[in-house]
Amino acid sequence: MTTVVYTDGACSGNPGPGGWAWAVSEAHFASGAADHTTNQRMEINAAYQAVLALEGPLEVVSDSTYVVNCFRDGWWKGWHKRGWKNSQKKPVANRDLWEPFIDLVNERGDVKFRWVKGHSGDPMNDLVDELAVAAGRDQMGQSKRPG
């Protein structure tokens, strides 16, 4: 059975204080914070932390096309081929986060990605948005596990 996990990142200012979150349900989630970061870094970190924390087949649902397209459209393959350069021949932004994340997803082989429109009334996307915003605002993460 595939676990569906929603992820989101938030930042107040860009850069500024930020937060990330993932949730399987209202009873199973985690969030964290960084004091000086960007929205993109928090989006990547949210998905990475979910893949680190959850075992078995996984579907990561994110409102970040940056995260989803990296895997769904294989952007990372071009980055590898070009020596960590993007299509404009510039260094890939956030490589320090992308590299271990891409390695982990490839090692697992059981992670898929799906995009969801942000702020569109999807209850789980709204939940992870609230958790990420709170983590960034309070500079403190939280977690909750069933059982």
N, C-alpha and C. Protein backbone atom coordinates (compact mmCIF):
# COMPACT_ATOMS: atom_id res chain seq x y z
N MET A 1 0.83 -1.18 0.00
CA MET A 1 0.00 0.00 0.00
C MET A 1 0.88 1.25 0.00
N THR A 2 0.55 2.20 -0.84
CA THR A 2 1.31 3.44 -0.94
C THR A 2 0.80 4.46 0.07
N THR A 3 1.72 5.07 0.81
CA THR A 3 1.39 6.15 1.73
C THR A 3 1.41 7.46 0.95
N VAL A 4 0.38 8.26 1.12
CA VAL A 4 0.31 9.58 0.51
C VAL A 4 0.68 10.61 1.57
N VAL A 5 1.70 11.42 1.26
CA VAL A 5 2.15 12.45 2.19
C VAL A 5 2.14 13.80 1.50
N TYR A 6 1.59 14.77 2.16
CA TYR A 6 1.58 16.15 1.66
C TYR A 6 2.74 16.91 2.27
N THR A 7 3.36 17.79 1.49
CA THR A 7 4.51 18.56 1.98
C THR A 7 4.34 20.03 1.59
N ASP A 8 4.94 20.91 2.39
CA ASP A 8 4.92 22.33 2.05
C ASP A 8 6.05 23.04 2.76
N GLY A 9 6.49 24.14 2.16
CA GLY A 9 7.47 25.02 2.76
C GLY A 9 6.94 26.43 2.77
N ALA A 10 7.42 27.22 3.72
CA ALA A 10 6.96 28.61 3.83
C ALA A 10 8.13 29.47 4.27
N CYS A 11 8.07 30.73 3.90
CA CYS A 11 9.13 31.66 4.27
C CYS A 11 8.53 33.04 4.43
N SER A 12 8.95 33.76 5.48
CA SER A 12 8.51 35.13 5.71
C SER A 12 9.63 36.04 5.25
N GLY A 13 9.49 36.59 4.06
CA GLY A 13 10.60 37.24 3.40
C GLY A 13 11.31 36.16 2.61
N ASN A 14 12.08 36.53 1.63
CA ASN A 14 12.74 35.50 0.83
C ASN A 14 14.10 36.04 0.38
N PRO A 15 15.16 35.89 1.21
CA PRO A 15 15.23 34.99 2.36
C PRO A 15 14.66 35.61 3.64
N GLY A 16 14.46 34.72 4.60
CA GLY A 16 13.96 35.10 5.90
C GLY A 16 13.73 33.86 6.73
N PRO A 17 13.04 33.99 7.86
CA PRO A 17 12.72 32.81 8.66
C PRO A 17 11.72 31.94 7.91
N GLY A 18 11.92 30.63 7.98
CA GLY A 18 11.06 29.73 7.24
C GLY A 18 10.70 28.49 8.01
N GLY A 19 9.75 27.76 7.44
CA GLY A 19 9.32 26.50 8.03
C GLY A 19 8.96 25.51 6.95
N TRP A 20 8.99 24.24 7.32
CA TRP A 20 8.61 23.16 6.41
C TRP A 20 7.69 22.21 7.18
N ALA A 21 6.90 21.44 6.45
CA ALA A 21 6.02 20.46 7.08
C ALA A 21 5.67 19.35 6.12
N TRP A 22 5.41 18.18 6.69
CA TRP A 22 4.82 17.08 5.94
C TRP A 22 3.73 16.47 6.82
N ALA A 23 2.72 15.89 6.18
CA ALA A 23 1.63 15.25 6.93
C ALA A 23 1.02 14.13 6.12
N VAL A 24 0.77 13.03 6.81
CA VAL A 24 0.03 11.91 6.25
C VAL A 24 -1.44 12.07 6.65
N SER A 25 -1.64 12.63 7.85
CA SER A 25 -2.98 12.91 8.36
C SER A 25 -2.83 13.95 9.47
N GLU A 26 -3.95 14.37 10.05
CA GLU A 26 -3.88 15.31 11.17
C GLU A 26 -3.22 14.67 12.39
N ALA A 27 -3.14 13.34 12.39
CA ALA A 27 -2.54 12.63 13.52
C ALA A 27 -1.12 12.15 13.24
N HIS A 28 -0.60 12.44 12.04
CA HIS A 28 0.74 11.96 11.68
C HIS A 28 1.43 13.02 10.82
N PHE A 29 2.29 13.82 11.46
CA PHE A 29 2.94 14.91 10.75
C PHE A 29 4.23 15.31 11.46
N ALA A 30 5.01 16.14 10.78
CA ALA A 30 6.21 16.73 11.37
C ALA A 30 6.45 18.07 10.70
N SER A 31 7.12 18.96 11.43
CA SER A 31 7.50 20.26 10.86
C SER A 31 8.82 20.69 11.48
N GLY A 32 9.45 21.66 10.85
CA GLY A 32 10.72 22.19 11.34
C GLY A 32 10.92 23.60 10.82
N ALA A 33 12.00 24.23 11.29
CA ALA A 33 12.22 25.64 10.97
C ALA A 33 13.68 25.92 10.67
N ALA A 34 13.89 27.06 10.01
CA ALA A 34 15.23 27.59 9.77
C ALA A 34 15.14 29.10 9.91
N ASP A 35 16.16 29.70 10.51
CA ASP A 35 16.07 31.13 10.80
C ASP A 35 16.38 32.03 9.60
N HIS A 36 17.14 31.54 8.63
CA HIS A 36 17.47 32.35 7.45
C HIS A 36 17.50 31.41 6.25
N THR A 37 16.45 31.45 5.46
CA THR A 37 16.30 30.48 4.38
C THR A 37 15.46 31.08 3.26
N THR A 38 15.11 30.25 2.28
CA THR A 38 14.23 30.68 1.20
C THR A 38 13.05 29.72 1.11
N ASN A 39 12.02 30.16 0.42
CA ASN A 39 10.85 29.31 0.22
C ASN A 39 11.23 28.02 -0.50
N GLN A 40 12.06 28.14 -1.54
CA GLN A 40 12.46 26.95 -2.30
C GLN A 40 13.17 25.93 -1.41
N ARG A 41 14.05 26.40 -0.55
CA ARG A 41 14.78 25.49 0.34
C ARG A 41 13.82 24.79 1.30
N MET A 42 12.81 25.51 1.75
CA MET A 42 11.85 24.90 2.67
C MET A 42 10.97 23.88 1.93
N GLU A 43 10.63 24.15 0.68
CA GLU A 43 9.86 23.19 -0.12
C GLU A 43 10.65 21.89 -0.31
N ILE A 44 11.93 22.02 -0.66
CA ILE A 44 12.77 20.84 -0.84
C ILE A 44 12.89 20.09 0.48
N ASN A 45 13.16 20.83 1.56
CA ASN A 45 13.36 20.20 2.86
C ASN A 45 12.12 19.46 3.34
N ALA A 46 10.94 20.02 3.09
CA ALA A 46 9.70 19.36 3.49
C ALA A 46 9.58 17.98 2.85
N ALA A 47 9.80 17.93 1.54
CA ALA A 47 9.69 16.65 0.83
C ALA A 47 10.80 15.69 1.25
N TYR A 48 12.01 16.20 1.40
CA TYR A 48 13.14 15.38 1.82
C TYR A 48 12.89 14.77 3.20
N GLN A 49 12.42 15.59 4.14
CA GLN A 49 12.17 15.09 5.49
C GLN A 49 11.08 14.01 5.48
N ALA A 50 10.06 14.17 4.63
CA ALA A 50 9.01 13.15 4.52
C ALA A 50 9.58 11.83 4.02
N VAL A 51 10.41 11.91 2.98
CA VAL A 51 11.00 10.69 2.40
C VAL A 51 11.94 10.03 3.41
N LEU A 52 12.65 10.83 4.19
CA LEU A 52 13.51 10.27 5.24
C LEU A 52 12.70 9.57 6.33
N ALA A 53 11.57 10.14 6.69
CA ALA A 53 10.81 9.67 7.85
C ALA A 53 9.88 8.50 7.57
N LEU A 54 9.41 8.38 6.36
CA LEU A 54 8.35 7.41 6.06
C LEU A 54 8.87 6.25 5.24
N GLU A 55 8.55 5.05 5.66
CA GLU A 55 9.00 3.85 4.95
C GLU A 55 7.93 3.34 4.00
N GLY A 56 8.37 2.52 3.06
CA GLY A 56 7.45 1.89 2.13
C GLY A 56 7.11 2.81 0.97
N PRO A 57 6.36 2.29 0.01
CA PRO A 57 5.98 3.08 -1.16
C PRO A 57 5.33 4.39 -0.75
N LEU A 58 5.74 5.46 -1.43
CA LEU A 58 5.35 6.80 -1.01
C LEU A 58 4.95 7.64 -2.21
N GLU A 59 3.87 8.40 -2.04
CA GLU A 59 3.49 9.41 -3.02
C GLU A 59 3.58 10.76 -2.31
N VAL A 60 4.52 11.59 -2.76
CA VAL A 60 4.72 12.91 -2.19
C VAL A 60 3.87 13.89 -2.99
N VAL A 61 2.97 14.60 -2.31
CA VAL A 61 2.10 15.57 -2.95
C VAL A 61 2.55 16.96 -2.50
N SER A 62 2.90 17.80 -3.47
CA SER A 62 3.44 19.12 -3.16
C SER A 62 2.85 20.16 -4.09
N ASP A 63 2.75 21.40 -3.58
CA ASP A 63 2.31 22.50 -4.45
C ASP A 63 3.52 23.20 -5.08
N SER A 64 4.69 22.61 -4.92
CA SER A 64 5.92 23.16 -5.49
C SER A 64 6.25 22.46 -6.81
N THR A 65 6.11 23.19 -7.92
CA THR A 65 6.50 22.61 -9.20
C THR A 65 8.01 22.35 -9.21
N TYR A 66 8.76 23.14 -8.46
CA TYR A 66 10.21 22.97 -8.35
C TYR A 66 10.54 21.57 -7.85
N VAL A 67 9.87 21.14 -6.80
CA VAL A 67 10.11 19.81 -6.24
C VAL A 67 9.54 18.72 -7.15
N VAL A 68 8.30 18.86 -7.53
CA VAL A 68 7.63 17.82 -8.31
C VAL A 68 8.31 17.62 -9.66
N ASN A 69 8.58 18.71 -10.39
CA ASN A 69 9.17 18.58 -11.72
C ASN A 69 10.59 18.03 -11.69
N CYS A 70 11.32 18.28 -10.61
CA CYS A 70 12.66 17.72 -10.50
C CYS A 70 12.62 16.21 -10.69
N PHE A 71 11.65 15.57 -10.07
CA PHE A 71 11.56 14.11 -10.13
C PHE A 71 10.63 13.63 -11.24
N ARG A 72 9.45 14.20 -11.34
CA ARG A 72 8.47 13.73 -12.32
C ARG A 72 8.98 13.93 -13.74
N ASP A 73 9.62 15.09 -13.99
CA ASP A 73 10.11 15.41 -15.32
C ASP A 73 11.60 15.10 -15.50
N GLY A 74 12.24 14.58 -14.47
CA GLY A 74 13.63 14.15 -14.57
C GLY A 74 14.65 15.27 -14.69
N TRP A 75 14.35 16.45 -14.13
CA TRP A 75 15.32 17.54 -14.18
C TRP A 75 16.68 17.10 -13.64
N TRP A 76 16.67 16.28 -12.60
CA TRP A 76 17.91 15.87 -11.95
C TRP A 76 18.84 15.12 -12.91
N LYS A 77 18.27 14.44 -13.89
CA LYS A 77 19.11 13.70 -14.85
C LYS A 77 19.95 14.68 -15.67
N GLY A 78 19.36 15.77 -16.11
CA GLY A 78 20.09 16.80 -16.84
C GLY A 78 21.14 17.46 -15.96
N TRP A 79 20.79 17.70 -14.70
CA TRP A 79 21.75 18.31 -13.78
C TRP A 79 22.98 17.42 -13.64
N HIS A 80 22.76 16.12 -13.49
CA HIS A 80 23.88 15.18 -13.39
C HIS A 80 24.73 15.20 -14.66
N LYS A 81 24.04 15.11 -15.81
CA LYS A 81 24.74 15.08 -17.11
C LYS A 81 25.60 16.31 -17.33
N ARG A 82 25.09 17.46 -16.90
CA ARG A 82 25.79 18.72 -17.10
C ARG A 82 26.70 19.09 -15.94
N GLY A 83 26.98 18.16 -15.04
CA GLY A 83 27.87 18.45 -13.91
C GLY A 83 27.27 19.46 -12.94
N TRP A 84 26.00 19.24 -12.59
CA TRP A 84 25.26 20.10 -11.66
C TRP A 84 25.13 21.54 -12.17
N LYS A 85 24.88 21.64 -13.47
CA LYS A 85 24.54 22.92 -14.09
C LYS A 85 23.09 22.80 -14.57
N ASN A 86 22.36 23.90 -14.53
CA ASN A 86 20.98 23.88 -15.02
C ASN A 86 20.98 24.08 -16.54
N SER A 87 19.79 24.18 -17.12
CA SER A 87 19.71 24.30 -18.58
C SER A 87 20.29 25.61 -19.10
N GLN A 88 20.46 26.60 -18.22
CA GLN A 88 21.10 27.86 -18.60
C GLN A 88 22.62 27.84 -18.33
N LYS A 89 23.13 26.63 -18.02
CA LYS A 89 24.56 26.41 -17.76
C LYS A 89 25.06 27.12 -16.50
N LYS A 90 24.13 27.40 -15.57
CA LYS A 90 24.49 28.00 -14.28
C LYS A 90 24.43 26.92 -13.22
N PRO A 91 25.17 27.10 -12.12
CA PRO A 91 25.12 26.08 -11.05
C PRO A 91 23.69 25.88 -10.54
N VAL A 92 23.34 24.63 -10.30
CA VAL A 92 22.01 24.30 -9.79
C VAL A 92 21.86 24.90 -8.40
N ALA A 93 20.81 25.69 -8.21
CA ALA A 93 20.54 26.28 -6.90
C ALA A 93 20.17 25.18 -5.91
N ASN A 94 20.58 25.34 -4.68
CA ASN A 94 20.23 24.43 -3.59
C ASN A 94 20.79 23.02 -3.77
N ARG A 95 21.92 22.92 -4.45
CA ARG A 95 22.52 21.61 -4.69
C ARG A 95 22.78 20.86 -3.39
N ASP A 96 23.13 21.59 -2.32
CA ASP A 96 23.42 20.94 -1.04
C ASP A 96 22.20 20.18 -0.50
N LEU A 97 21.00 20.60 -0.88
CA LEU A 97 19.79 19.87 -0.49
C LEU A 97 19.38 18.85 -1.56
N TRP A 98 19.48 19.25 -2.81
CA TRP A 98 19.07 18.37 -3.90
C TRP A 98 19.87 17.08 -3.94
N GLU A 99 21.18 17.18 -3.78
CA GLU A 99 22.03 16.01 -3.99
C GLU A 99 21.66 14.85 -3.06
N PRO A 100 21.59 15.06 -1.73
CA PRO A 100 21.21 13.92 -0.88
C PRO A 100 19.76 13.49 -1.09
N PHE A 101 18.89 14.43 -1.42
CA PHE A 101 17.48 14.10 -1.65
C PHE A 101 17.33 13.22 -2.88
N ILE A 102 17.95 13.61 -3.98
CA ILE A 102 17.89 12.82 -5.21
C ILE A 102 18.49 11.44 -4.99
N ASP A 103 19.62 11.38 -4.29
CA ASP A 103 20.24 10.08 -3.99
C ASP A 103 19.29 9.19 -3.20
N LEU A 104 18.63 9.76 -2.19
CA LEU A 104 17.71 8.99 -1.36
C LEU A 104 16.53 8.47 -2.18
N VAL A 105 15.93 9.32 -2.99
CA VAL A 105 14.79 8.90 -3.81
C VAL A 105 15.22 7.79 -4.77
N ASN A 106 16.38 7.93 -5.38
CA ASN A 106 16.86 6.91 -6.31
C ASN A 106 17.21 5.60 -5.61
N GLU A 107 17.80 5.69 -4.42
CA GLU A 107 18.11 4.48 -3.65
C GLU A 107 16.83 3.73 -3.28
N ARG A 108 15.82 4.46 -2.86
CA ARG A 108 14.56 3.83 -2.46
C ARG A 108 13.84 3.22 -3.64
N GLY A 109 13.68 3.98 -4.71
CA GLY A 109 13.00 3.47 -5.89
C GLY A 109 11.49 3.31 -5.74
N ASP A 110 10.92 3.77 -4.63
CA ASP A 110 9.48 3.59 -4.39
C ASP A 110 8.76 4.91 -4.08
N VAL A 111 9.34 6.02 -4.56
CA VAL A 111 8.78 7.34 -4.27
C VAL A 111 8.31 7.99 -5.58
N LYS A 112 7.05 8.44 -5.57
CA LYS A 112 6.49 9.17 -6.71
C LYS A 112 6.10 10.56 -6.24
N PHE A 113 5.94 11.47 -7.19
CA PHE A 113 5.62 12.86 -6.87
C PHE A 113 4.40 13.30 -7.66
N ARG A 114 3.55 14.10 -7.00
CA ARG A 114 2.34 14.63 -7.63
C ARG A 114 2.17 16.08 -7.21
N TRP A 115 1.78 16.92 -8.17
CA TRP A 115 1.56 18.33 -7.89
C TRP A 115 0.11 18.58 -7.52
N VAL A 116 -0.10 19.48 -6.56
CA VAL A 116 -1.43 19.94 -6.21
C VAL A 116 -1.39 21.47 -6.20
N LYS A 117 -2.44 22.10 -6.67
CA LYS A 117 -2.51 23.56 -6.66
C LYS A 117 -2.59 24.05 -5.21
N GLY A 118 -1.71 24.96 -4.85
CA GLY A 118 -1.71 25.52 -3.51
C GLY A 118 -2.87 26.44 -3.27
N HIS A 119 -3.30 26.52 -2.03
CA HIS A 119 -4.37 27.45 -1.61
C HIS A 119 -5.63 27.28 -2.45
N SER A 120 -5.95 26.02 -2.75
CA SER A 120 -7.12 25.74 -3.59
C SER A 120 -8.20 24.99 -2.84
N GLY A 121 -8.06 24.91 -1.51
CA GLY A 121 -9.09 24.25 -0.71
C GLY A 121 -8.83 22.77 -0.46
N ASP A 122 -7.69 22.24 -0.88
CA ASP A 122 -7.35 20.85 -0.57
C ASP A 122 -7.02 20.79 0.93
N PRO A 123 -7.79 20.03 1.72
CA PRO A 123 -7.61 20.05 3.18
C PRO A 123 -6.19 19.67 3.64
N MET A 124 -5.59 18.70 2.99
CA MET A 124 -4.24 18.27 3.42
C MET A 124 -3.19 19.30 3.02
N ASN A 125 -3.34 19.92 1.83
CA ASN A 125 -2.42 20.97 1.44
C ASN A 125 -2.56 22.16 2.38
N ASP A 126 -3.78 22.48 2.77
CA ASP A 126 -4.00 23.56 3.73
C ASP A 126 -3.37 23.23 5.08
N LEU A 127 -3.45 21.97 5.51
CA LEU A 127 -2.86 21.57 6.78
C LEU A 127 -1.35 21.76 6.78
N VAL A 128 -0.67 21.26 5.75
CA VAL A 128 0.79 21.39 5.74
C VAL A 128 1.21 22.85 5.57
N ASP A 129 0.42 23.64 4.87
CA ASP A 129 0.70 25.07 4.77
C ASP A 129 0.64 25.71 6.15
N GLU A 130 -0.41 25.41 6.90
CA GLU A 130 -0.55 25.96 8.26
C GLU A 130 0.61 25.53 9.16
N LEU A 131 0.99 24.26 9.08
CA LEU A 131 2.09 23.75 9.90
C LEU A 131 3.42 24.41 9.53
N ALA A 132 3.67 24.58 8.23
CA ALA A 132 4.92 25.20 7.78
C ALA A 132 4.98 26.67 8.17
N VAL A 133 3.87 27.39 7.99
CA VAL A 133 3.82 28.80 8.37
C VAL A 133 4.05 28.96 9.87
N ALA A 134 3.40 28.11 10.68
CA ALA A 134 3.56 28.18 12.13
C ALA A 134 5.00 27.87 12.54
N ALA A 135 5.61 26.87 11.91
CA ALA A 135 7.00 26.52 12.24
C ALA A 135 7.93 27.69 11.92
N GLY A 136 7.73 28.33 10.78
CA GLY A 136 8.55 29.48 10.41
C GLY A 136 8.34 30.65 11.34
N ARG A 137 7.08 30.92 11.67
CA ARG A 137 6.75 32.05 12.54
C ARG A 137 7.31 31.84 13.96
N ASP A 138 7.12 30.63 14.49
CA ASP A 138 7.53 30.34 15.86
C ASP A 138 8.98 29.85 15.96
N GLN A 139 9.58 29.56 14.79
CA GLN A 139 10.93 29.00 14.72
C GLN A 139 11.05 27.75 15.58
N MET A 140 10.00 26.91 15.47
CA MET A 140 9.97 25.67 16.24
C MET A 140 9.12 24.65 15.49
N GLY A 141 9.64 23.48 15.32
CA GLY A 141 8.90 22.42 14.67
C GLY A 141 8.11 21.62 15.69
N GLN A 142 7.30 20.72 15.16
CA GLN A 142 6.54 19.80 16.01
C GLN A 142 6.34 18.51 15.26
N SER A 143 5.94 17.48 15.97
CA SER A 143 5.62 16.22 15.30
C SER A 143 4.56 15.48 16.09
N LYS A 144 3.84 14.66 15.37
CA LYS A 144 2.80 13.85 15.99
C LYS A 144 2.72 12.54 15.21
N ARG A 145 2.71 11.46 15.94
CA ARG A 145 2.63 10.13 15.34
C ARG A 145 1.40 9.40 15.89
N PRO A 146 0.75 8.62 15.05
CA PRO A 146 -0.42 7.88 15.55
C PRO A 146 0.02 6.84 16.59
N GLY A 147 -0.90 6.51 17.46
CA GLY A 147 -0.65 5.46 18.45
C GLY A 147 0.08 5.98 19.59
